[in-house]
């Protein structure tokens, strides 16, 4: 499971493009994951790295998406 970082630890000025995704790691266990775009020589695709992920699952996709959206807003300074 990904380490759950405190969002205040990040230097927002050094962050690239961020995105939010939801993973169903086991049936009925949904985890939000904030990802950051990384450099890639390809113009046909985008590569990402995990920036932060939920430690505890939500019981629905929509719940994980809502909680992840809140975290993404906090990471970008929009509480």
C-alpha atoms as a PDB file:
ATOM      1  CA  UNK A   1       0.000   0.000   0.000  1.00  0.00           C
ATOM      2  CA  UNK A   2       1.300   3.484  -0.855  1.00  0.00           C
ATOM      3  CA  UNK A   3       2.580   5.694   1.936  1.00  0.00           C
ATOM      4  CA  UNK A   4       0.001   8.267   2.992  1.00  0.00           C
ATOM      5  CA  UNK A   5       1.922  11.574   2.932  1.00  0.00           C
ATOM      6  CA  UNK A   6       0.779  14.667   4.738  1.00  0.00           C
ATOM      7  CA  UNK A   7      -0.196  17.094   2.002  1.00  0.00           C
ATOM      8  CA  UNK A   8       1.597  19.960   3.806  1.00  0.00           C
ATOM      9  CA  UNK A   9       4.943  18.196   3.173  1.00  0.00           C
ATOM     10  CA  UNK A  10       4.820  18.924  -0.567  1.00  0.00           C
ATOM     11  CA  UNK A  11       6.383  21.931  -2.262  1.00  0.00           C
ATOM     12  CA  UNK A  12       3.532  23.007  -4.530  1.00  0.00           C
ATOM     13  CA  UNK A  13       5.832  25.155  -6.676  1.00  0.00           C
ATOM     14  CA  UNK A  14       7.673  22.037  -7.871  1.00  0.00           C
ATOM     15  CA  UNK A  15       4.568  19.978  -8.724  1.00  0.00           C
ATOM     16  CA  UNK A  16       3.683  19.245 -12.295  1.00  0.00           C
ATOM     17  CA  UNK A  17       0.325  18.280 -13.744  1.00  0.00           C
ATOM     18  CA  UNK A  18      -1.804  16.367 -11.244  1.00  0.00           C
ATOM     19  CA  UNK A  19      -4.634  13.918 -11.832  1.00  0.00           C
ATOM     20  CA  UNK A  20      -6.915  11.749  -9.721  1.00  0.00           C
ATOM     21  CA  UNK A  21      -7.745   8.121 -10.309  1.00  0.00           C
ATOM     22  CA  UNK A  22      -9.562   5.402  -8.382  1.00  0.00           C
ATOM     23  CA  UNK A  23      -8.290   1.829  -8.088  1.00  0.00           C
ATOM     24  CA  UNK A  24     -10.368  -1.183  -7.079  1.00  0.00           C
ATOM     25  CA  UNK A  25      -7.637  -3.290  -5.482  1.00  0.00           C
ATOM     26  CA  UNK A  26     -10.017  -5.969  -4.219  1.00  0.00           C
ATOM     27  CA  UNK A  27     -13.675  -6.455  -4.888  1.00  0.00           C
ATOM     28  CA  UNK A  28     -15.552  -3.579  -3.240  1.00  0.00           C
ATOM     29  CA  UNK A  29     -12.386  -1.809  -1.969  1.00  0.00           C
ATOM     30  CA  UNK A  30     -11.783   1.479  -3.758  1.00  0.00           C
ATOM     31  CA  UNK A  31      -8.707   3.648  -3.205  1.00  0.00           C
ATOM     32  CA  UNK A  32      -8.189   7.157  -4.522  1.00  0.00           C
ATOM     33  CA  UNK A  33      -4.739   7.907  -5.948  1.00  0.00           C
ATOM     34  CA  UNK A  34      -3.333  11.345  -6.797  1.00  0.00           C
ATOM     35  CA  UNK A  35      -0.811  11.051  -9.615  1.00  0.00           C
ATOM     36  CA  UNK A  36       1.668  13.525 -11.112  1.00  0.00           C
ATOM     37  CA  UNK A  37       2.776  13.699 -14.738  1.00  0.00           C
ATOM     38  CA  UNK A  38       6.459  12.949 -15.293  1.00  0.00           C
ATOM     39  CA  UNK A  39       8.721  13.639 -18.240  1.00  0.00           C
ATOM     40  CA  UNK A  40       8.443  11.239 -21.135  1.00  0.00           C
ATOM     41  CA  UNK A  41       9.972  11.562 -24.590  1.00  0.00           C
ATOM     42  CA  UNK A  42       6.795  10.299 -26.223  1.00  0.00           C
ATOM     43  CA  UNK A  43       4.258  12.759 -27.595  1.00  0.00           C
ATOM     44  CA  UNK A  44       1.650   9.992 -27.878  1.00  0.00           C
ATOM     45  CA  UNK A  45       1.267   9.213 -24.189  1.00  0.00           C
ATOM     46  CA  UNK A  46       1.595  10.662 -20.717  1.00  0.00           C
ATOM     47  CA  UNK A  47       3.460   8.971 -17.878  1.00  0.00           C
ATOM     48  CA  UNK A  48       2.531   9.402 -14.221  1.00  0.00           C
ATOM     49  CA  UNK A  49       3.939   8.588 -10.798  1.00  0.00           C
ATOM     50  CA  UNK A  50       1.975   8.082  -7.595  1.00  0.00           C
ATOM     51  CA  UNK A  51       2.067  11.179  -5.455  1.00  0.00           C
ATOM     52  CA  UNK A  52      -0.338  10.161  -2.707  1.00  0.00           C
ATOM     53  CA  UNK A  53      -2.802   7.314  -2.152  1.00  0.00           C
ATOM     54  CA  UNK A  54      -5.478   6.439   0.382  1.00  0.00           C
ATOM     55  CA  UNK A  55      -4.475   4.117   3.176  1.00  0.00           C
ATOM     56  CA  UNK A  56      -8.035   2.959   3.836  1.00  0.00           C
ATOM     57  CA  UNK A  57     -10.490   1.845   1.150  1.00  0.00           C
ATOM     58  CA  UNK A  58     -13.880   3.355   0.460  1.00  0.00           C
ATOM     59  CA  UNK A  59     -16.782   1.015  -0.228  1.00  0.00           C
ATOM     60  CA  UNK A  60     -17.736   2.655  -3.515  1.00  0.00           C
ATOM     61  CA  UNK A  61     -16.041   4.230  -6.516  1.00  0.00           C
ATOM     62  CA  UNK A  62     -17.966   7.475  -6.011  1.00  0.00           C
ATOM     63  CA  UNK A  63     -16.926   7.742  -2.352  1.00  0.00           C
ATOM     64  CA  UNK A  64     -13.263   7.227  -3.228  1.00  0.00           C
ATOM     65  CA  UNK A  65     -13.568   9.819  -5.992  1.00  0.00           C
ATOM     66  CA  UNK A  66     -15.141  12.354  -3.608  1.00  0.00           C
ATOM     67  CA  UNK A  67     -12.520  11.841  -0.889  1.00  0.00           C
ATOM     68  CA  UNK A  68      -9.720  11.922  -3.473  1.00  0.00           C
ATOM     69  CA  UNK A  69     -11.118  15.141  -4.938  1.00  0.00           C
ATOM     70  CA  UNK A  70     -10.917  16.738  -1.512  1.00  0.00           C
ATOM     71  CA  UNK A  71      -7.283  15.664  -1.148  1.00  0.00           C
ATOM     72  CA  UNK A  72      -6.445  16.954  -4.629  1.00  0.00           C
ATOM     73  CA  UNK A  73      -7.956  20.323  -3.707  1.00  0.00           C
ATOM     74  CA  UNK A  74      -5.867  20.419  -0.527  1.00  0.00           C
ATOM     75  CA  UNK A  75      -2.702  19.564  -2.444  1.00  0.00           C
ATOM     76  CA  UNK A  76      -3.305  22.423  -4.846  1.00  0.00           C
ATOM     77  CA  UNK A  77      -4.087  24.892  -2.067  1.00  0.00           C
ATOM     78  CA  UNK A  78      -7.863  25.023  -2.628  1.00  0.00           C
ATOM     79  CA  UNK A  79      -9.452  23.733   0.595  1.00  0.00           C
END
